[in-house]
Amino acid sequence: MTLAARSCAPLLLGLLLGCRGKWETITYEDEGTLCFQQLDAEIVVTVTAPECLSSSCSRDLDGACTATVDGATIEVTSEITWEQNEGPFANCTDDCGSPSIQCSLGELSAGSYTVVHGEDEVALVVPVEGGGCPF
C-alpha cells in the first residue's frame, strides 16, 4: 500500500461512517395535534408531533407537557424531541411511529373549555365523548 493510500484510508472510513450516522435533533415546541381522553374523572391530553418516526432511523424520543387551568381556559405547553438519522446513506424503514407525549388536565367540571396550545386554540367539552381529536 502506498503512503497516499495509507493516509487516505482512515479519512475515507471516517467519511463513510459519518455519512451513515449523522444524527440530527428534531424538536417540536408547542406544536402538534391534541387528542383528549377521559379516564374516569381525569382528562388526559396526548400531543402528537406532525412527523413519523422510523424504527431504524429515529432514537431517544423524549418530551414533556404541562397543562394549566384558569377558569374556562386551559393552556397546554409541550416539547417533543428525538434524534433522526439524516445521513445520505441512512437505510431507514418505512414504518411510521407517532412521536407523542401525554399529560393530565386533572379533574375538570362538566362544561366547555378553550384549550390554547402554541398558536392554536380548540374547544373542549367535558365530559369527553370517546377519544376525540378536535383538530
N, C-alpha and C. Protein backbone atom coordinates (compact mmCIF):
# COMPACT_ATOMS: atom_id res chain seq x y z
N MET A 1 0.86 -1.18 0.00
CA MET A 1 0.00 0.00 0.00
C MET A 1 0.90 1.23 0.00
N THR A 2 0.58 2.19 -0.81
CA THR A 2 1.39 3.40 -0.90
C THR A 2 1.11 4.30 0.28
N LEU A 3 1.99 5.25 0.50
CA LEU A 3 1.82 6.22 1.58
C LEU A 3 0.52 7.00 1.41
N ALA A 4 0.19 7.39 0.19
CA ALA A 4 -1.04 8.15 -0.06
C ALA A 4 -2.26 7.30 0.28
N ALA A 5 -2.27 6.02 -0.09
CA ALA A 5 -3.40 5.14 0.20
C ALA A 5 -3.56 4.94 1.70
N ARG A 6 -2.42 4.78 2.42
CA ARG A 6 -2.49 4.58 3.88
C ARG A 6 -3.03 5.83 4.58
N SER A 7 -2.67 7.00 4.12
CA SER A 7 -3.12 8.22 4.79
C SER A 7 -4.56 8.55 4.43
N CYS A 8 -5.05 8.09 3.28
CA CYS A 8 -6.44 8.37 2.87
C CYS A 8 -7.42 7.35 3.43
N ALA A 9 -6.97 6.14 3.74
CA ALA A 9 -7.88 5.10 4.21
C ALA A 9 -8.64 5.52 5.47
N PRO A 10 -7.99 6.06 6.53
CA PRO A 10 -8.76 6.49 7.70
C PRO A 10 -9.73 7.62 7.38
N LEU A 11 -9.35 8.51 6.48
CA LEU A 11 -10.23 9.60 6.09
C LEU A 11 -11.47 9.07 5.39
N LEU A 12 -11.28 8.13 4.46
CA LEU A 12 -12.40 7.54 3.74
C LEU A 12 -13.33 6.80 4.70
N LEU A 13 -12.77 6.01 5.61
CA LEU A 13 -13.57 5.30 6.59
C LEU A 13 -14.36 6.28 7.46
N GLY A 14 -13.72 7.34 7.89
CA GLY A 14 -14.40 8.35 8.71
C GLY A 14 -15.54 9.02 7.95
N LEU A 15 -15.33 9.30 6.68
CA LEU A 15 -16.40 9.91 5.88
C LEU A 15 -17.58 8.97 5.72
N LEU A 16 -17.30 7.69 5.44
CA LEU A 16 -18.39 6.73 5.28
C LEU A 16 -19.18 6.56 6.57
N LEU A 17 -18.50 6.43 7.68
CA LEU A 17 -19.20 6.27 8.96
C LEU A 17 -19.96 7.54 9.33
N GLY A 18 -19.36 8.68 9.03
CA GLY A 18 -20.03 9.95 9.32
C GLY A 18 -21.29 10.12 8.50
N CYS A 19 -21.28 9.67 7.25
CA CYS A 19 -22.45 9.80 6.39
C CYS A 19 -23.57 8.89 6.84
N ARG A 20 -23.25 7.73 7.36
CA ARG A 20 -24.29 6.80 7.82
C ARG A 20 -24.89 7.24 9.14
N GLY A 21 -24.15 7.94 9.96
CA GLY A 21 -24.61 8.22 11.30
C GLY A 21 -24.74 9.69 11.64
N LYS A 22 -25.24 10.48 10.73
CA LYS A 22 -25.41 11.91 11.00
C LYS A 22 -26.76 12.10 11.71
N TRP A 23 -26.71 12.15 13.02
CA TRP A 23 -27.93 12.24 13.84
C TRP A 23 -28.26 13.70 14.12
N GLU A 24 -29.47 14.11 13.74
CA GLU A 24 -29.95 15.47 13.94
C GLU A 24 -31.02 15.47 15.03
N THR A 25 -31.00 16.45 15.90
CA THR A 25 -32.04 16.58 16.92
C THR A 25 -33.24 17.29 16.31
N ILE A 26 -34.40 16.67 16.44
CA ILE A 26 -35.67 17.23 15.96
C ILE A 26 -36.45 17.68 17.19
N THR A 27 -36.98 18.91 17.16
CA THR A 27 -37.73 19.44 18.31
C THR A 27 -39.01 20.10 17.84
N TYR A 28 -40.10 19.76 18.50
CA TYR A 28 -41.38 20.44 18.30
C TYR A 28 -41.79 21.02 19.64
N GLU A 29 -41.88 22.34 19.70
CA GLU A 29 -42.27 23.03 20.93
C GLU A 29 -43.63 23.68 20.70
N ASP A 30 -44.59 23.31 21.54
CA ASP A 30 -45.96 23.83 21.46
C ASP A 30 -46.54 23.67 20.06
N GLU A 31 -46.27 22.52 19.44
CA GLU A 31 -46.80 22.18 18.12
C GLU A 31 -47.31 20.75 18.15
N GLY A 32 -48.33 20.47 17.36
CA GLY A 32 -48.81 19.11 17.23
C GLY A 32 -50.31 19.02 17.40
N THR A 33 -50.82 17.84 17.13
CA THR A 33 -52.24 17.55 17.25
C THR A 33 -52.55 17.16 18.69
N LEU A 34 -53.65 17.68 19.22
CA LEU A 34 -54.10 17.33 20.57
C LEU A 34 -55.25 16.35 20.48
N CYS A 35 -55.19 15.32 21.31
CA CYS A 35 -56.30 14.38 21.45
C CYS A 35 -56.62 14.26 22.93
N PHE A 36 -57.90 14.22 23.24
CA PHE A 36 -58.33 14.19 24.63
C PHE A 36 -59.03 12.87 24.93
N GLN A 37 -58.76 12.35 26.13
CA GLN A 37 -59.42 11.15 26.62
C GLN A 37 -59.86 11.39 28.05
N GLN A 38 -60.96 10.80 28.40
CA GLN A 38 -61.40 10.86 29.78
C GLN A 38 -61.22 9.48 30.40
N LEU A 39 -60.40 9.43 31.45
CA LEU A 39 -60.14 8.19 32.18
C LEU A 39 -60.73 8.35 33.57
N ASP A 40 -61.94 7.80 33.74
CA ASP A 40 -62.73 8.05 34.94
C ASP A 40 -62.96 9.55 35.07
N ALA A 41 -62.49 10.19 36.13
CA ALA A 41 -62.71 11.63 36.29
C ALA A 41 -61.58 12.47 35.70
N GLU A 42 -60.46 11.83 35.39
CA GLU A 42 -59.28 12.55 34.89
C GLU A 42 -59.34 12.73 33.37
N ILE A 43 -58.95 13.92 32.90
CA ILE A 43 -58.83 14.19 31.47
C ILE A 43 -57.34 14.16 31.12
N VAL A 44 -57.01 13.40 30.08
CA VAL A 44 -55.62 13.28 29.62
C VAL A 44 -55.54 13.83 28.21
N VAL A 45 -54.50 14.63 27.94
CA VAL A 45 -54.26 15.14 26.60
C VAL A 45 -53.01 14.48 26.05
N THR A 46 -53.08 14.04 24.79
CA THR A 46 -51.94 13.49 24.07
C THR A 46 -51.56 14.49 23.00
N VAL A 47 -50.29 14.86 22.97
CA VAL A 47 -49.76 15.77 21.94
C VAL A 47 -48.93 14.91 20.99
N THR A 48 -49.25 14.99 19.69
CA THR A 48 -48.54 14.21 18.68
C THR A 48 -47.91 15.15 17.67
N ALA A 49 -46.59 15.05 17.52
CA ALA A 49 -45.86 15.88 16.56
C ALA A 49 -46.22 15.45 15.13
N PRO A 50 -46.13 16.37 14.16
CA PRO A 50 -46.56 16.08 12.79
C PRO A 50 -45.52 15.37 11.93
N GLU A 51 -44.81 14.42 12.48
CA GLU A 51 -43.83 13.65 11.70
C GLU A 51 -43.91 12.19 12.07
N CYS A 52 -43.34 11.35 11.23
CA CYS A 52 -43.26 9.91 11.51
C CYS A 52 -41.88 9.57 12.06
N LEU A 53 -41.85 8.57 12.92
CA LEU A 53 -40.59 8.04 13.42
C LEU A 53 -40.32 6.71 12.71
N SER A 54 -39.08 6.50 12.32
CA SER A 54 -38.67 5.24 11.72
C SER A 54 -37.99 4.40 12.82
N SER A 55 -38.36 3.14 12.90
CA SER A 55 -37.76 2.29 13.94
C SER A 55 -36.26 2.10 13.72
N SER A 56 -35.80 2.33 12.50
CA SER A 56 -34.37 2.15 12.23
C SER A 56 -33.58 3.46 12.19
N CYS A 57 -34.26 4.61 12.11
CA CYS A 57 -33.54 5.88 11.98
C CYS A 57 -33.96 6.95 12.98
N SER A 58 -34.78 6.59 13.95
CA SER A 58 -35.18 7.53 15.00
C SER A 58 -34.80 6.93 16.34
N ARG A 59 -34.35 7.80 17.26
CA ARG A 59 -33.95 7.29 18.58
C ARG A 59 -34.12 8.40 19.62
N ASP A 60 -34.10 7.98 20.86
CA ASP A 60 -34.11 8.88 22.02
C ASP A 60 -35.30 9.83 22.04
N LEU A 61 -36.50 9.29 21.81
CA LEU A 61 -37.72 10.09 21.92
C LEU A 61 -37.89 10.54 23.36
N ASP A 62 -38.14 11.83 23.54
CA ASP A 62 -38.31 12.39 24.87
C ASP A 62 -39.28 13.56 24.77
N GLY A 63 -39.78 13.99 25.87
CA GLY A 63 -40.66 15.15 25.84
C GLY A 63 -41.36 15.35 27.16
N ALA A 64 -42.08 16.44 27.21
CA ALA A 64 -42.84 16.78 28.41
C ALA A 64 -43.97 17.72 28.01
N CYS A 65 -45.01 17.71 28.80
CA CYS A 65 -46.06 18.69 28.60
C CYS A 65 -46.65 19.05 29.95
N THR A 66 -47.23 20.23 30.00
CA THR A 66 -47.91 20.71 31.20
C THR A 66 -49.23 21.31 30.78
N ALA A 67 -50.16 21.29 31.69
CA ALA A 67 -51.47 21.90 31.45
C ALA A 67 -51.82 22.76 32.65
N THR A 68 -52.21 24.01 32.37
CA THR A 68 -52.61 24.94 33.40
C THR A 68 -54.05 25.36 33.15
N VAL A 69 -54.89 25.19 34.14
CA VAL A 69 -56.30 25.54 34.01
C VAL A 69 -56.55 26.85 34.74
N ASP A 70 -57.15 27.80 34.01
CA ASP A 70 -57.50 29.10 34.58
C ASP A 70 -58.93 29.40 34.15
N GLY A 71 -59.89 29.04 35.01
CA GLY A 71 -61.30 29.20 34.66
C GLY A 71 -61.67 28.27 33.53
N ALA A 72 -62.15 28.85 32.42
CA ALA A 72 -62.55 28.05 31.26
C ALA A 72 -61.46 27.99 30.20
N THR A 73 -60.24 28.42 30.54
CA THR A 73 -59.11 28.37 29.61
C THR A 73 -58.07 27.40 30.13
N ILE A 74 -57.61 26.54 29.23
CA ILE A 74 -56.56 25.57 29.56
C ILE A 74 -55.38 25.85 28.65
N GLU A 75 -54.22 26.10 29.22
CA GLU A 75 -53.01 26.31 28.42
C GLU A 75 -52.16 25.05 28.50
N VAL A 76 -51.87 24.47 27.33
CA VAL A 76 -51.02 23.29 27.23
C VAL A 76 -49.71 23.72 26.60
N THR A 77 -48.60 23.42 27.28
CA THR A 77 -47.28 23.63 26.71
C THR A 77 -46.64 22.26 26.51
N SER A 78 -45.87 22.13 25.44
CA SER A 78 -45.27 20.82 25.15
C SER A 78 -43.94 20.98 24.45
N GLU A 79 -43.13 19.95 24.60
CA GLU A 79 -41.88 19.83 23.85
C GLU A 79 -41.66 18.36 23.58
N ILE A 80 -41.47 18.03 22.31
CA ILE A 80 -41.20 16.65 21.89
C ILE A 80 -39.88 16.69 21.13
N THR A 81 -38.94 15.83 21.52
CA THR A 81 -37.64 15.78 20.84
C THR A 81 -37.25 14.33 20.55
N TRP A 82 -36.46 14.17 19.52
CA TRP A 82 -35.85 12.88 19.22
C TRP A 82 -34.68 13.14 18.29
N GLU A 83 -33.88 12.12 18.07
CA GLU A 83 -32.79 12.20 17.12
C GLU A 83 -33.18 11.41 15.88
N GLN A 84 -32.86 11.99 14.72
CA GLN A 84 -33.19 11.37 13.43
C GLN A 84 -31.92 11.22 12.62
N ASN A 85 -31.68 10.04 12.07
CA ASN A 85 -30.51 9.81 11.23
C ASN A 85 -30.78 10.44 9.87
N GLU A 86 -30.03 11.48 9.56
CA GLU A 86 -30.20 12.22 8.32
C GLU A 86 -29.05 12.00 7.36
N GLY A 87 -28.20 11.02 7.64
CA GLY A 87 -27.05 10.76 6.77
C GLY A 87 -27.49 10.32 5.38
N PRO A 88 -26.70 10.66 4.35
CA PRO A 88 -27.10 10.32 2.99
C PRO A 88 -27.16 8.82 2.72
N PHE A 89 -26.51 8.01 3.54
CA PHE A 89 -26.54 6.57 3.34
C PHE A 89 -27.38 5.87 4.40
N ALA A 90 -28.21 6.62 5.12
CA ALA A 90 -29.09 6.02 6.13
C ALA A 90 -30.11 5.15 5.41
N ASN A 91 -30.26 3.93 5.88
CA ASN A 91 -31.21 2.99 5.29
C ASN A 91 -32.40 2.87 6.23
N CYS A 92 -33.36 3.79 6.11
CA CYS A 92 -34.48 3.89 7.05
C CYS A 92 -35.66 3.05 6.59
N THR A 93 -36.30 2.40 7.54
CA THR A 93 -37.51 1.64 7.24
C THR A 93 -38.69 2.60 7.08
N ASP A 94 -39.72 2.15 6.36
CA ASP A 94 -40.88 2.98 6.06
C ASP A 94 -41.96 2.94 7.13
N ASP A 95 -41.72 2.28 8.25
CA ASP A 95 -42.73 2.25 9.31
C ASP A 95 -42.92 3.67 9.85
N CYS A 96 -44.03 3.92 10.46
CA CYS A 96 -44.36 5.29 10.88
C CYS A 96 -44.86 5.29 12.31
N GLY A 97 -43.97 5.57 13.25
CA GLY A 97 -44.36 5.68 14.64
C GLY A 97 -44.76 7.11 14.96
N SER A 98 -45.62 7.27 15.92
CA SER A 98 -46.11 8.61 16.29
C SER A 98 -45.31 9.16 17.47
N PRO A 99 -44.63 10.28 17.28
CA PRO A 99 -43.92 10.91 18.40
C PRO A 99 -44.92 11.66 19.28
N SER A 100 -45.32 11.03 20.38
CA SER A 100 -46.38 11.57 21.24
C SER A 100 -45.96 11.61 22.70
N ILE A 101 -46.57 12.54 23.41
CA ILE A 101 -46.42 12.63 24.86
C ILE A 101 -47.79 12.87 25.46
N GLN A 102 -47.94 12.59 26.75
CA GLN A 102 -49.22 12.78 27.43
C GLN A 102 -49.03 13.59 28.70
N CYS A 103 -50.08 14.33 29.05
CA CYS A 103 -50.12 14.96 30.36
C CYS A 103 -51.57 15.05 30.82
N SER A 104 -51.72 15.21 32.09
CA SER A 104 -53.05 15.21 32.70
C SER A 104 -53.58 16.63 32.85
N LEU A 105 -54.85 16.79 32.53
CA LEU A 105 -55.54 18.05 32.81
C LEU A 105 -56.21 17.98 34.18
N GLY A 106 -56.12 16.83 34.81
CA GLY A 106 -56.74 16.64 36.12
C GLY A 106 -58.24 16.42 35.97
N GLU A 107 -58.94 16.66 37.05
CA GLU A 107 -60.40 16.54 37.04
C GLU A 107 -60.98 17.90 36.68
N LEU A 108 -61.82 17.92 35.65
CA LEU A 108 -62.45 19.16 35.23
C LEU A 108 -63.96 19.05 35.41
N SER A 109 -64.57 20.14 35.79
CA SER A 109 -66.03 20.18 35.90
C SER A 109 -66.63 20.09 34.52
N ALA A 110 -67.84 19.54 34.44
CA ALA A 110 -68.54 19.47 33.16
C ALA A 110 -68.71 20.88 32.60
N GLY A 111 -68.54 21.01 31.29
CA GLY A 111 -68.69 22.31 30.65
C GLY A 111 -67.79 22.46 29.45
N SER A 112 -67.72 23.68 28.93
CA SER A 112 -66.92 23.99 27.75
C SER A 112 -65.66 24.74 28.16
N TYR A 113 -64.55 24.37 27.50
CA TYR A 113 -63.25 24.98 27.77
C TYR A 113 -62.59 25.37 26.45
N THR A 114 -61.71 26.35 26.51
CA THR A 114 -60.86 26.71 25.38
C THR A 114 -59.45 26.25 25.72
N VAL A 115 -58.90 25.40 24.85
CA VAL A 115 -57.54 24.89 25.05
C VAL A 115 -56.60 25.66 24.12
N VAL A 116 -55.57 26.25 24.71
CA VAL A 116 -54.57 27.01 23.96
C VAL A 116 -53.27 26.19 23.96
N HIS A 117 -52.77 25.94 22.75
CA HIS A 117 -51.52 25.18 22.58
C HIS A 117 -50.71 25.88 21.51
N GLY A 118 -49.70 26.63 21.91
CA GLY A 118 -48.93 27.42 20.94
C GLY A 118 -49.83 28.44 20.29
N GLU A 119 -49.90 28.43 18.97
CA GLU A 119 -50.73 29.38 18.24
C GLU A 119 -52.14 28.87 18.00
N ASP A 120 -52.41 27.63 18.40
CA ASP A 120 -53.72 27.02 18.16
C ASP A 120 -54.64 27.14 19.36
N GLU A 121 -55.93 27.29 19.07
CA GLU A 121 -56.97 27.24 20.09
C GLU A 121 -58.03 26.25 19.63
N VAL A 122 -58.52 25.46 20.57
CA VAL A 122 -59.52 24.45 20.24
C VAL A 122 -60.51 24.35 21.39
N ALA A 123 -61.75 24.02 21.06
CA ALA A 123 -62.78 23.85 22.09
C ALA A 123 -62.73 22.43 22.65
N LEU A 124 -62.95 22.33 23.94
CA LEU A 124 -63.03 21.04 24.62
C LEU A 124 -64.30 21.02 25.44
N VAL A 125 -65.10 19.96 25.28
CA VAL A 125 -66.32 19.80 26.06
C VAL A 125 -66.12 18.62 27.00
N VAL A 126 -66.39 18.86 28.28
CA VAL A 126 -66.28 17.84 29.32
C VAL A 126 -67.70 17.52 29.80
N PRO A 127 -68.09 16.26 29.90
CA PRO A 127 -67.26 15.06 29.74
C PRO A 127 -66.88 14.82 28.28
N VAL A 128 -65.70 14.21 28.11
CA VAL A 128 -65.18 13.91 26.78
C VAL A 128 -65.85 12.64 26.29
N GLU A 129 -66.41 12.71 25.10
CA GLU A 129 -67.05 11.54 24.49
C GLU A 129 -66.02 10.84 23.62
N GLY A 130 -65.68 9.59 23.92
CA GLY A 130 -64.69 8.86 23.13
C GLY A 130 -63.32 9.47 23.28
N GLY A 131 -62.47 9.31 22.30
CA GLY A 131 -61.12 9.88 22.30
C GLY A 131 -60.98 10.85 21.16
N GLY A 132 -61.68 11.95 21.22
CA GLY A 132 -61.76 12.87 20.10
C GLY A 132 -60.50 13.65 19.83
N CYS A 133 -60.27 13.91 18.56
CA CYS A 133 -59.17 14.78 18.13
C CYS A 133 -59.81 16.02 17.51
N PRO A 134 -59.83 17.14 18.24
CA PRO A 134 -60.54 18.31 17.76
C PRO A 134 -59.92 19.01 16.56
N PHE A 135 -58.63 18.80 16.28
CA PHE A 135 -58.00 19.39 15.08
C PHE A 135 -56.83 18.58 14.65
